[in-house]
Amino acid sequence: MFPTRALLTSARLTLFTRAGCGLCDTAKNTVLQLQKRRSFEYVEQDIMDSGNKQWKDVYEFDVPVLHVQSVNDGLPKAADLSDARKLFHRWTEQEVERSVEEAEKQYS
């Protein structure tokens, strides 16, 4: 897990990735470009790490996957399948921004 910023935000983005994945590199770049303009918490999860078996079981053939979650009083602290907006494989900066806005509205 690699948090890039510890900000008071209302959205948390978790990128599920793996080493050597060109689509994952492009997806990460898209998210980081948006983070230059908007504030949100960003975390990466390498699904091939031994502690991430649950995510490997879910996303082994789908990475990159981006979870966008609402954060209320610092929660959730971890990615969750049930409440996250999910983007798969390829997405634009505008699609990520729309998902962040939806997450922020949930607790505004």
PDB file of N, CA and C in Angstrom:
ATOM      1  N   MET A   1       0.851  -1.163   0.000  1.00  0.00           N
ATOM      2  CA  MET A   1       0.000   0.000   0.000  1.00  0.00           C
ATOM      3  C   MET A   1       0.900   1.230   0.000  1.00  0.00           C
ATOM      4  N   PHE A   2       0.633   2.192  -0.917  1.00  0.00           N
ATOM      5  CA  PHE A   2       1.487   3.358  -1.062  1.00  0.00           C
ATOM      6  C   PHE A   2       0.655   4.632  -1.056  1.00  0.00           C
ATOM      7  N   PRO A   3       0.287   5.174   0.129  1.00  0.00           N
ATOM      8  CA  PRO A   3      -0.443   6.435   0.137  1.00  0.00           C
ATOM      9  C   PRO A   3       0.448   7.551  -0.388  1.00  0.00           C
ATOM     10  N   THR A   4      -0.113   8.406  -1.262  1.00  0.00           N
ATOM     11  CA  THR A   4       0.683   9.496  -1.794  1.00  0.00           C
ATOM     12  C   THR A   4       0.426  10.794  -1.045  1.00  0.00           C
ATOM     13  N   ARG A   5      -0.736  10.927  -0.439  1.00  0.00           N
ATOM     14  CA  ARG A   5      -1.044  12.135   0.319  1.00  0.00           C
ATOM     15  C   ARG A   5      -1.951  11.770   1.485  1.00  0.00           C
ATOM     16  N   ALA A   6      -1.784  12.448   2.590  1.00  0.00           N
ATOM     17  CA  ALA A   6      -2.684  12.286   3.719  1.00  0.00           C
ATOM     18  C   ALA A   6      -3.469  13.582   3.844  1.00  0.00           C
ATOM     19  N   LEU A   7      -4.510  13.710   3.091  1.00  0.00           N
ATOM     20  CA  LEU A   7      -5.291  14.938   3.040  1.00  0.00           C
ATOM     21  C   LEU A   7      -6.660  14.732   3.647  1.00  0.00           C
ATOM     22  N   LEU A   8      -7.253  15.820   4.077  1.00  0.00           N
ATOM     23  CA  LEU A   8      -8.642  15.767   4.503  1.00  0.00           C
ATOM     24  C   LEU A   8      -9.488  15.881   3.249  1.00  0.00           C
ATOM     25  N   THR A   9      -9.948  14.768   2.775  1.00  0.00           N
ATOM     26  CA  THR A   9     -10.719  14.734   1.542  1.00  0.00           C
ATOM     27  C   THR A   9     -11.973  13.915   1.773  1.00  0.00           C
ATOM     28  N   SER A  10     -12.853  13.935   0.795  1.00  0.00           N
ATOM     29  CA  SER A  10     -14.052  13.121   0.909  1.00  0.00           C
ATOM     30  C   SER A  10     -14.067  12.010  -0.121  1.00  0.00           C
ATOM     31  N   ALA A  11     -12.926  11.752  -0.767  1.00  0.00           N
ATOM     32  CA  ALA A  11     -12.841  10.657  -1.726  1.00  0.00           C
ATOM     33  C   ALA A  11     -11.515   9.917  -1.557  1.00  0.00           C
ATOM     34  N   ARG A  12     -11.603   8.621  -1.734  1.00  0.00           N
ATOM     35  CA  ARG A  12     -10.418   7.759  -1.649  1.00  0.00           C
ATOM     36  C   ARG A  12     -10.372   6.906  -2.907  1.00  0.00           C
ATOM     37  N   LEU A  13      -9.244   6.917  -3.613  1.00  0.00           N
ATOM     38  CA  LEU A  13      -9.070   6.140  -4.828  1.00  0.00           C
ATOM     39  C   LEU A  13      -8.040   5.056  -4.574  1.00  0.00           C
ATOM     40  N   THR A  14      -8.409   3.821  -4.916  1.00  0.00           N
ATOM     41  CA  THR A  14      -7.504   2.688  -4.776  1.00  0.00           C
ATOM     42  C   THR A  14      -7.308   2.078  -6.158  1.00  0.00           C
ATOM     43  N   LEU A  15      -6.061   2.050  -6.611  1.00  0.00           N
ATOM     44  CA  LEU A  15      -5.733   1.459  -7.896  1.00  0.00           C
ATOM     45  C   LEU A  15      -5.189   0.051  -7.664  1.00  0.00           C
ATOM     46  N   PHE A  16      -5.880  -0.931  -8.224  1.00  0.00           N
ATOM     47  CA  PHE A  16      -5.422  -2.317  -8.177  1.00  0.00           C
ATOM     48  C   PHE A  16      -4.601  -2.550  -9.435  1.00  0.00           C
ATOM     49  N   THR A  17      -3.361  -2.985  -9.242  1.00  0.00           N
ATOM     50  CA  THR A  17      -2.381  -3.017 -10.310  1.00  0.00           C
ATOM     51  C   THR A  17      -1.491  -4.237 -10.162  1.00  0.00           C
ATOM     52  N   ARG A  18      -0.555  -4.384 -11.071  1.00  0.00           N
ATOM     53  CA  ARG A  18       0.498  -5.397 -10.974  1.00  0.00           C
ATOM     54  C   ARG A  18       1.702  -4.890 -11.763  1.00  0.00           C
ATOM     55  N   ALA A  19       2.867  -5.369 -11.400  1.00  0.00           N
ATOM     56  CA  ALA A  19       4.101  -4.976 -12.089  1.00  0.00           C
ATOM     57  C   ALA A  19       4.066  -5.459 -13.535  1.00  0.00           C
ATOM     58  N   GLY A  20       4.648  -4.659 -14.423  1.00  0.00           N
ATOM     59  CA  GLY A  20       4.743  -5.040 -15.822  1.00  0.00           C
ATOM     60  C   GLY A  20       3.457  -4.887 -16.610  1.00  0.00           C
ATOM     61  N   CYS A  21       2.503  -4.169 -16.079  1.00  0.00           N
ATOM     62  CA  CYS A  21       1.200  -3.982 -16.729  1.00  0.00           C
ATOM     63  C   CYS A  21       1.166  -2.588 -17.370  1.00  0.00           C
ATOM     64  N   GLY A  22       1.262  -2.541 -18.694  1.00  0.00           N
ATOM     65  CA  GLY A  22       1.249  -1.262 -19.403  1.00  0.00           C
ATOM     66  C   GLY A  22      -0.037  -0.483 -19.201  1.00  0.00           C
ATOM     67  N   LEU A  23      -1.185  -1.168 -19.219  1.00  0.00           N
ATOM     68  CA  LEU A  23      -2.466  -0.488 -18.955  1.00  0.00           C
ATOM     69  C   LEU A  23      -2.483   0.111 -17.558  1.00  0.00           C
ATOM     70  N   CYS A  24      -1.864  -0.591 -16.605  1.00  0.00           N
ATOM     71  CA  CYS A  24      -1.806  -0.091 -15.224  1.00  0.00           C
ATOM     72  C   CYS A  24      -0.984   1.193 -15.149  1.00  0.00           C
ATOM     73  N   ASP A  25       0.129   1.245 -15.879  1.00  0.00           N
ATOM     74  CA  ASP A  25       0.959   2.452 -15.896  1.00  0.00           C
ATOM     75  C   ASP A  25       0.180   3.634 -16.465  1.00  0.00           C
ATOM     76  N   THR A  26      -0.556   3.400 -17.539  1.00  0.00           N
ATOM     77  CA  THR A  26      -1.375   4.461 -18.142  1.00  0.00           C
ATOM     78  C   THR A  26      -2.470   4.903 -17.178  1.00  0.00           C
ATOM     79  N   ALA A  27      -3.120   3.942 -16.529  1.00  0.00           N
ATOM     80  CA  ALA A  27      -4.189   4.255 -15.578  1.00  0.00           C
ATOM     81  C   ALA A  27      -3.649   5.090 -14.410  1.00  0.00           C
ATOM     82  N   LYS A  28      -2.501   4.692 -13.879  1.00  0.00           N
ATOM     83  CA  LYS A  28      -1.889   5.429 -12.770  1.00  0.00           C
ATOM     84  C   LYS A  28      -1.575   6.862 -13.188  1.00  0.00           C
ATOM     85  N   ASN A  29      -1.017   7.032 -14.364  1.00  0.00           N
ATOM     86  CA  ASN A  29      -0.696   8.366 -14.864  1.00  0.00           C
ATOM     87  C   ASN A  29      -1.956   9.231 -14.959  1.00  0.00           C
ATOM     88  N   THR A  30      -3.044   8.656 -15.430  1.00  0.00           N
ATOM     89  CA  THR A  30      -4.307   9.398 -15.542  1.00  0.00           C
ATOM     90  C   THR A  30      -4.781   9.876 -14.176  1.00  0.00           C
ATOM     91  N   VAL A  31      -4.730   8.990 -13.186  1.00  0.00           N
ATOM     92  CA  VAL A  31      -5.157   9.350 -11.827  1.00  0.00           C
ATOM     93  C   VAL A  31      -4.243  10.425 -11.246  1.00  0.00           C
ATOM     94  N   LEU A  32      -2.935  10.288 -11.433  1.00  0.00           N
ATOM     95  CA  LEU A  32      -1.999  11.260 -10.876  1.00  0.00           C
ATOM     96  C   LEU A  32      -2.118  12.629 -11.546  1.00  0.00           C
ATOM     97  N   GLN A  33      -2.471  12.649 -12.825  1.00  0.00           N
ATOM     98  CA  GLN A  33      -2.712  13.932 -13.495  1.00  0.00           C
ATOM     99  C   GLN A  33      -3.905  14.644 -12.855  1.00  0.00           C
ATOM    100  N   LEU A  34      -4.962  13.898 -12.573  1.00  0.00           N
ATOM    101  CA  LEU A  34      -6.130  14.493 -11.924  1.00  0.00           C
ATOM    102  C   LEU A  34      -5.778  14.973 -10.520  1.00  0.00           C
ATOM    103  N   GLN A  35      -4.932  14.236  -9.829  1.00  0.00           N
ATOM    104  CA  GLN A  35      -4.578  14.606  -8.456  1.00  0.00           C
ATOM    105  C   GLN A  35      -3.808  15.927  -8.398  1.00  0.00           C
ATOM    106  N   LYS A  36      -3.248  16.354  -9.502  1.00  0.00           N
ATOM    107  CA  LYS A  36      -2.589  17.663  -9.545  1.00  0.00           C
ATOM    108  C   LYS A  36      -3.618  18.788  -9.446  1.00  0.00           C
ATOM    109  N   ARG A  37      -4.864  18.519  -9.838  1.00  0.00           N
ATOM    110  CA  ARG A  37      -5.923  19.529  -9.829  1.00  0.00           C
ATOM    111  C   ARG A  37      -6.931  19.352  -8.701  1.00  0.00           C
ATOM    112  N   ARG A  38      -7.071  18.140  -8.206  1.00  0.00           N
ATOM    113  CA  ARG A  38      -8.090  17.834  -7.195  1.00  0.00           C
ATOM    114  C   ARG A  38      -7.449  17.107  -6.034  1.00  0.00           C
ATOM    115  N   SER A  39      -8.029  17.295  -4.883  1.00  0.00           N
ATOM    116  CA  SER A  39      -7.508  16.651  -3.684  1.00  0.00           C
ATOM    117  C   SER A  39      -8.312  15.381  -3.394  1.00  0.00           C
ATOM    118  N   PHE A  40      -7.610  14.262  -3.287  1.00  0.00           N
ATOM    119  CA  PHE A  40      -8.209  12.993  -2.870  1.00  0.00           C
ATOM    120  C   PHE A  40      -7.101  12.089  -2.367  1.00  0.00           C
ATOM    121  N   GLU A  41      -7.479  11.113  -1.565  1.00  0.00           N
ATOM    122  CA  GLU A  41      -6.513  10.136  -1.076  1.00  0.00           C
ATOM    123  C   GLU A  41      -6.295   9.100  -2.175  1.00  0.00           C
ATOM    124  N   TYR A  42      -5.049   8.721  -2.410  1.00  0.00           N
ATOM    125  CA  TYR A  42      -4.704   7.756  -3.457  1.00  0.00           C
ATOM    126  C   TYR A  42      -3.848   6.647  -2.866  1.00  0.00           C
ATOM    127  N   VAL A  43      -4.228   5.408  -3.161  1.00  0.00           N
ATOM    128  CA  VAL A  43      -3.509   4.235  -2.681  1.00  0.00           C
ATOM    129  C   VAL A  43      -3.397   3.244  -3.830  1.00  0.00           C
ATOM    130  N   GLU A  44      -2.264   2.549  -3.898  1.00  0.00           N
ATOM    131  CA  GLU A  44      -2.086   1.476  -4.881  1.00  0.00           C
ATOM    132  C   GLU A  44      -2.027   0.144  -4.165  1.00  0.00           C
ATOM    133  N   GLN A  45      -2.634  -0.863  -4.777  1.00  0.00           N
ATOM    134  CA  GLN A  45      -2.568  -2.233  -4.269  1.00  0.00           C
ATOM    135  C   GLN A  45      -2.058  -3.122  -5.399  1.00  0.00           C
ATOM    136  N   ASP A  46      -0.876  -3.703  -5.221  1.00  0.00           N
ATOM    137  CA  ASP A  46      -0.352  -4.669  -6.182  1.00  0.00           C
ATOM    138  C   ASP A  46      -1.011  -6.004  -5.853  1.00  0.00           C
ATOM    139  N   ILE A  47      -1.860  -6.485  -6.743  1.00  0.00           N
ATOM    140  CA  ILE A  47      -2.623  -7.693  -6.448  1.00  0.00           C
ATOM    141  C   ILE A  47      -1.740  -8.937  -6.352  1.00  0.00           C
ATOM    142  N   MET A  48      -0.495  -8.848  -6.802  1.00  0.00           N
ATOM    143  CA  MET A  48       0.407  -9.995  -6.748  1.00  0.00           C
ATOM    144  C   MET A  48       1.169 -10.078  -5.421  1.00  0.00           C
ATOM    145  N   ASP A  49       1.087  -9.030  -4.575  1.00  0.00           N
ATOM    146  CA  ASP A  49       1.718  -9.097  -3.259  1.00  0.00           C
ATOM    147  C   ASP A  49       1.036 -10.179  -2.433  1.00  0.00           C
ATOM    148  N   SER A  50       1.809 -10.881  -1.629  1.00  0.00           N
ATOM    149  CA  SER A  50       1.274 -12.019  -0.874  1.00  0.00           C
ATOM    150  C   SER A  50       0.111 -11.629   0.043  1.00  0.00           C
ATOM    151  N   GLY A  51       0.102 -10.427   0.560  1.00  0.00           N
ATOM    152  CA  GLY A  51      -0.973  -9.998   1.449  1.00  0.00           C
ATOM    153  C   GLY A  51      -2.238  -9.569   0.733  1.00  0.00           C
ATOM    154  N   ASN A  52      -2.230  -9.606  -0.587  1.00  0.00           N
ATOM    155  CA  ASN A  52      -3.383  -9.144  -1.361  1.00  0.00           C
ATOM    156  C   ASN A  52      -4.097 -10.278  -2.107  1.00  0.00           C
ATOM    157  N   LYS A  53      -4.052 -11.484  -1.546  1.00  0.00           N
ATOM    158  CA  LYS A  53      -4.677 -12.633  -2.203  1.00  0.00           C
ATOM    159  C   LYS A  53      -6.150 -12.393  -2.503  1.00  0.00           C
ATOM    160  N   GLN A  54      -6.867 -11.755  -1.570  1.00  0.00           N
ATOM    161  CA  GLN A  54      -8.306 -11.517  -1.801  1.00  0.00           C
ATOM    162  C   GLN A  54      -8.525 -10.680  -3.055  1.00  0.00           C
ATOM    163  N   TRP A  55      -7.642  -9.704  -3.305  1.00  0.00           N
ATOM    164  CA  TRP A  55      -7.797  -8.860  -4.491  1.00  0.00           C
ATOM    165  C   TRP A  55      -7.311  -9.586  -5.744  1.00  0.00           C
ATOM    166  N   LYS A  56      -6.300 -10.417  -5.613  1.00  0.00           N
ATOM    167  CA  LYS A  56      -5.860 -11.220  -6.758  1.00  0.00           C
ATOM    168  C   LYS A  56      -6.991 -12.140  -7.197  1.00  0.00           C
ATOM    169  N   ASP A  57      -7.672 -12.756  -6.239  1.00  0.00           N
ATOM    170  CA  ASP A  57      -8.786 -13.649  -6.559  1.00  0.00           C
ATOM    171  C   ASP A  57      -9.896 -12.922  -7.309  1.00  0.00           C
ATOM    172  N   VAL A  58     -10.109 -11.652  -7.006  1.00  0.00           N
ATOM    173  CA  VAL A  58     -11.184 -10.883  -7.638  1.00  0.00           C
ATOM    174  C   VAL A  58     -10.744 -10.265  -8.960  1.00  0.00           C
ATOM    175  N   TYR A  59      -9.520  -9.708  -9.009  1.00  0.00           N
ATOM    176  CA  TYR A  59      -9.114  -8.864 -10.140  1.00  0.00           C
ATOM    177  C   TYR A  59      -7.940  -9.392 -10.963  1.00  0.00           C
ATOM    178  N   GLU A  60      -7.558 -10.644 -10.784  1.00  0.00           N
ATOM    179  CA  GLU A  60      -6.360 -11.143 -11.467  1.00  0.00           C
ATOM    180  C   GLU A  60      -6.372 -10.896 -12.975  1.00  0.00           C
ATOM    181  N   PHE A  61      -7.506 -11.011 -13.612  1.00  0.00           N
ATOM    182  CA  PHE A  61      -7.582 -10.848 -15.067  1.00  0.00           C
ATOM    183  C   PHE A  61      -8.195  -9.519 -15.480  1.00  0.00           C
ATOM    184  N   ASP A  62      -8.375  -8.608 -14.511  1.00  0.00           N
ATOM    185  CA  ASP A  62      -9.059  -7.347 -14.798  1.00  0.00           C
ATOM    186  C   ASP A  62      -8.232  -6.096 -14.575  1.00  0.00           C
ATOM    187  N   VAL A  63      -7.025  -6.194 -14.003  1.00  0.00           N
ATOM    188  CA  VAL A  63      -6.272  -4.975 -13.710  1.00  0.00           C
ATOM    189  C   VAL A  63      -5.951  -4.223 -14.994  1.00  0.00           C
ATOM    190  N   PRO A  64      -5.912  -2.921 -14.919  1.00  0.00           N
ATOM    191  CA  PRO A  64      -6.115  -2.087 -13.743  1.00  0.00           C
ATOM    192  C   PRO A  64      -7.592  -1.915 -13.410  1.00  0.00           C
ATOM    193  N   VAL A  65      -7.850  -1.808 -12.113  1.00  0.00           N
ATOM    194  CA  VAL A  65      -9.187  -1.505 -11.608  1.00  0.00           C
ATOM    195  C   VAL A  65      -9.027  -0.365 -10.620  1.00  0.00           C
ATOM    196  N   LEU A  66      -9.928   0.602 -10.709  1.00  0.00           N
ATOM    197  CA  LEU A  66      -9.894   1.753  -9.803  1.00  0.00           C
ATOM    198  C   LEU A  66     -11.169   1.771  -8.979  1.00  0.00           C
ATOM    199  N   HIS A  67     -11.015   1.754  -7.651  1.00  0.00           N
ATOM    200  CA  HIS A  67     -12.145   1.938  -6.741  1.00  0.00           C
ATOM    201  C   HIS A  67     -12.168   3.405  -6.332  1.00  0.00           C
ATOM    202  N   VAL A  68     -13.319   4.034  -6.437  1.00  0.00           N
ATOM    203  CA  VAL A  68     -13.517   5.405  -5.964  1.00  0.00           C
ATOM    204  C   VAL A  68     -14.565   5.325  -4.874  1.00  0.00           C
ATOM    205  N   GLN A  69     -14.185   5.726  -3.655  1.00  0.00           N
ATOM    206  CA  GLN A  69     -15.068   5.601  -2.509  1.00  0.00           C
ATOM    207  C   GLN A  69     -15.267   6.935  -1.808  1.00  0.00           C
ATOM    208  N   SER A  70     -16.448   7.075  -1.234  1.00  0.00           N
ATOM    209  CA  SER A  70     -16.717   8.216  -0.370  1.00  0.00           C
ATOM    210  C   SER A  70     -16.034   7.985   0.959  1.00  0.00           C
ATOM    211  N   VAL A  71     -15.542   9.059   1.532  1.00  0.00           N
ATOM    212  CA  VAL A  71     -14.891   8.985   2.838  1.00  0.00           C
ATOM    213  C   VAL A  71     -15.645   9.910   3.770  1.00  0.00           C
ATOM    214  N   ASN A  72     -16.100   9.357   4.875  1.00  0.00           N
ATOM    215  CA  ASN A  72     -16.809  10.136   5.880  1.00  0.00           C
ATOM    216  C   ASN A  72     -16.096   9.932   7.207  1.00  0.00           C
ATOM    217  N   ASP A  73     -15.603  11.011   7.815  1.00  0.00           N
ATOM    218  CA  ASP A  73     -14.851  10.929   9.066  1.00  0.00           C
ATOM    219  C   ASP A  73     -13.683   9.967   8.956  1.00  0.00           C
ATOM    220  N   GLY A  74     -13.028   9.966   7.772  1.00  0.00           N
ATOM    221  CA  GLY A  74     -11.865   9.130   7.592  1.00  0.00           C
ATOM    222  C   GLY A  74     -12.169   7.698   7.182  1.00  0.00           C
ATOM    223  N   LEU A  75     -13.421   7.334   7.085  1.00  0.00           N
ATOM    224  CA  LEU A  75     -13.781   5.967   6.701  1.00  0.00           C
ATOM    225  C   LEU A  75     -14.255   5.954   5.267  1.00  0.00           C
ATOM    226  N   PRO A  76     -14.077   4.944   4.479  1.00  0.00           N
ATOM    227  CA  PRO A  76     -13.416   3.697   4.826  1.00  0.00           C
ATOM    228  C   PRO A  76     -11.905   3.833   4.764  1.00  0.00           C
ATOM    229  N   LYS A  77     -11.239   3.026   5.527  1.00  0.00           N
ATOM    230  CA  LYS A  77      -9.777   3.021   5.557  1.00  0.00           C
ATOM    231  C   LYS A  77      -9.201   2.035   4.547  1.00  0.00           C
ATOM    232  N   ALA A  78     -10.027   1.147   4.030  1.00  0.00           N
ATOM    233  CA  ALA A  78      -9.542   0.139   3.088  1.00  0.00           C
ATOM    234  C   ALA A  78     -10.549  -0.011   1.954  1.00  0.00           C
ATOM    235  N   ALA A  79     -10.069  -0.523   0.850  1.00  0.00           N
ATOM    236  CA  ALA A  79     -10.944  -0.759  -0.289  1.00  0.00           C
ATOM    237  C   ALA A  79     -11.994  -1.790   0.082  1.00  0.00           C
ATOM    238  N   ASP A  80     -13.153  -1.633  -0.516  1.00  0.00           N
ATOM    239  CA  ASP A  80     -14.284  -2.503  -0.244  1.00  0.00           C
ATOM    240  C   ASP A  80     -15.018  -2.712  -1.554  1.00  0.00           C
ATOM    241  N   LEU A  81     -15.492  -3.899  -1.787  1.00  0.00           N
ATOM    242  CA  LEU A  81     -16.214  -4.172  -3.032  1.00  0.00           C
ATOM    243  C   LEU A  81     -17.599  -3.567  -3.046  1.00  0.00           C
ATOM    244  N   SER A  82     -18.246  -3.457  -1.906  1.00  0.00           N
ATOM    245  CA  SER A  82     -19.666  -3.127  -1.880  1.00  0.00           C
ATOM    246  C   SER A  82     -19.976  -1.666  -2.166  1.00  0.00           C
ATOM    247  N   ASP A  83     -19.166  -0.746  -1.678  1.00  0.00           N
ATOM    248  CA  ASP A  83     -19.556   0.663  -1.795  1.00  0.00           C
ATOM    249  C   ASP A  83     -18.744   1.456  -2.810  1.00  0.00           C
ATOM    250  N   ALA A  84     -17.792   0.834  -3.454  1.00  0.00           N
ATOM    251  CA  ALA A  84     -16.915   1.572  -4.368  1.00  0.00           C
ATOM    252  C   ALA A  84     -17.529   1.697  -5.751  1.00  0.00           C
ATOM    253  N   ARG A  85     -17.299   2.863  -6.363  1.00  0.00           N
ATOM    254  CA  ARG A  85     -17.541   3.004  -7.796  1.00  0.00           C
ATOM    255  C   ARG A  85     -16.308   2.397  -8.453  1.00  0.00           C
ATOM    256  N   LYS A  86     -16.500   1.588  -9.480  1.00  0.00           N
ATOM    257  CA  LYS A  86     -15.374   0.866 -10.067  1.00  0.00           C
ATOM    258  C   LYS A  86     -15.196   1.241 -11.530  1.00  0.00           C
ATOM    259  N   LEU A  87     -13.950   1.492 -11.895  1.00  0.00           N
ATOM    260  CA  LEU A  87     -13.587   1.723 -13.292  1.00  0.00           C
ATOM    261  C   LEU A  87     -12.616   0.614 -13.679  1.00  0.00           C
ATOM    262  N   PHE A  88     -12.833   0.019 -14.858  1.00  0.00           N
ATOM    263  CA  PHE A  88     -12.032  -1.115 -15.296  1.00  0.00           C
ATOM    264  C   PHE A  88     -11.219  -0.779 -16.540  1.00  0.00           C
ATOM    265  N   HIS A  89      -9.991  -1.267 -16.575  1.00  0.00           N
ATOM    266  CA  HIS A  89      -9.093  -1.305 -17.732  1.00  0.00           C
ATOM    267  C   HIS A  89      -8.647   0.066 -18.250  1.00  0.00           C
ATOM    268  N   ARG A  90      -9.531   0.793 -18.887  1.00  0.00           N
ATOM    269  CA  ARG A  90      -9.164   2.096 -19.469  1.00  0.00           C
ATOM    270  C   ARG A  90     -10.199   3.126 -19.027  1.00  0.00           C
ATOM    271  N   TRP A  91      -9.685   4.296 -18.645  1.00  0.00           N
ATOM    272  CA  TRP A  91     -10.592   5.387 -18.303  1.00  0.00           C
ATOM    273  C   TRP A  91      -9.900   6.703 -18.579  1.00  0.00           C
ATOM    274  N   THR A  92     -10.723   7.723 -18.729  1.00  0.00           N
ATOM    275  CA  THR A  92     -10.195   9.058 -18.974  1.00  0.00           C
ATOM    276  C   THR A  92     -10.120   9.821 -17.655  1.00  0.00           C
ATOM    277  N   GLU A  93      -9.380  10.891 -17.677  1.00  0.00           N
ATOM    278  CA  GLU A  93      -9.295  11.760 -16.505  1.00  0.00           C
ATOM    279  C   GLU A  93     -10.681  12.308 -16.151  1.00  0.00           C
ATOM    280  N   GLN A  94     -11.480  12.605 -17.173  1.00  0.00           N
ATOM    281  CA  GLN A  94     -12.828  13.123 -16.948  1.00  0.00           C
ATOM    282  C   GLN A  94     -13.714  12.074 -16.275  1.00  0.00           C
ATOM    283  N   GLU A  95     -13.579  10.814 -16.647  1.00  0.00           N
ATOM    284  CA  GLU A  95     -14.372   9.754 -16.008  1.00  0.00           C
ATOM    285  C   GLU A  95     -13.987   9.597 -14.539  1.00  0.00           C
ATOM    286  N   VAL A  96     -12.709   9.679 -14.244  1.00  0.00           N
ATOM    287  CA  VAL A  96     -12.269   9.591 -12.857  1.00  0.00           C
ATOM    288  C   VAL A  96     -12.788  10.791 -12.078  1.00  0.00           C
ATOM    289  N   GLU A  97     -12.698  11.972 -12.674  1.00  0.00           N
ATOM    290  CA  GLU A  97     -13.164  13.178 -11.984  1.00  0.00           C
ATOM    291  C   GLU A  97     -14.660  13.099 -11.681  1.00  0.00           C
ATOM    292  N   ARG A  98     -15.447  12.600 -12.622  1.00  0.00           N
ATOM    293  CA  ARG A  98     -16.894  12.438 -12.372  1.00  0.00           C
ATOM    294  C   ARG A  98     -17.137  11.486 -11.200  1.00  0.00           C
ATOM    295  N   SER A  99     -16.375  10.405 -11.138  1.00  0.00           N
ATOM    296  CA  SER A  99     -16.532   9.452 -10.036  1.00  0.00           C
ATOM    297  C   SER A  99     -16.137  10.090  -8.696  1.00  0.00           C
ATOM    298  N   VAL A 100     -15.086  10.893  -8.691  1.00  0.00           N
ATOM    299  CA  VAL A 100     -14.668  11.602  -7.478  1.00  0.00           C
ATOM    300  C   VAL A 100     -15.772  12.574  -7.053  1.00  0.00           C
ATOM    301  N   GLU A 101     -16.333  13.306  -8.009  1.00  0.00           N
ATOM    302  CA  GLU A 101     -17.417  14.250  -7.679  1.00  0.00           C
ATOM    303  C   GLU A 101     -18.617  13.527  -7.087  1.00  0.00           C
ATOM    304  N   GLU A 102     -18.974  12.388  -7.640  1.00  0.00           N
ATOM    305  CA  GLU A 102     -20.094  11.605  -7.097  1.00  0.00           C
ATOM    306  C   GLU A 102     -19.799  11.161  -5.674  1.00  0.00           C
ATOM    307  N   ALA A 103     -18.575  10.732  -5.418  1.00  0.00           N
ATOM    308  CA  ALA A 103     -18.191  10.313  -4.072  1.00  0.00           C
ATOM    309  C   ALA A 103     -18.256  11.492  -3.104  1.00  0.00           C
ATOM    310  N   GLU A 104     -17.783  12.644  -3.540  1.00  0.00           N
ATOM    311  CA  GLU A 104     -17.819  13.831  -2.677  1.00  0.00           C
ATOM    312  C   GLU A 104     -19.245  14.263  -2.361  1.00  0.00           C
ATOM    313  N   LYS A 105     -20.124  14.168  -3.332  1.00  0.00           N
ATOM    314  CA  LYS A 105     -21.528  14.566  -3.115  1.00  0.00           C
ATOM    315  C   LYS A 105     -22.218  13.677  -2.114  1.00  0.00           C
ATOM    316  N   GLN A 106     -21.794  12.447  -2.014  1.00  0.00           N
ATOM    317  CA  GLN A 106     -22.440  11.503  -1.104  1.00  0.00           C
ATOM    318  C   GLN A 106     -22.388  12.005   0.335  1.00  0.00           C
ATOM    319  N   TYR A 107     -21.319  12.722   0.715  1.00  0.00           N
ATOM    320  CA  TYR A 107     -21.167  13.193   2.089  1.00  0.00           C
ATOM    321  C   TYR A 107     -21.116  14.710   2.202  1.00  0.00           C
ATOM    322  N   SER A 108     -21.624  15.416   1.196  1.00  0.00           N
ATOM    323  CA  SER A 108     -21.597  16.877   1.313  1.00  0.00           C
ATOM    324  C   SER A 108     -22.875  17.401   1.920  1.00  0.00           C
TER     325      SER A 108
END
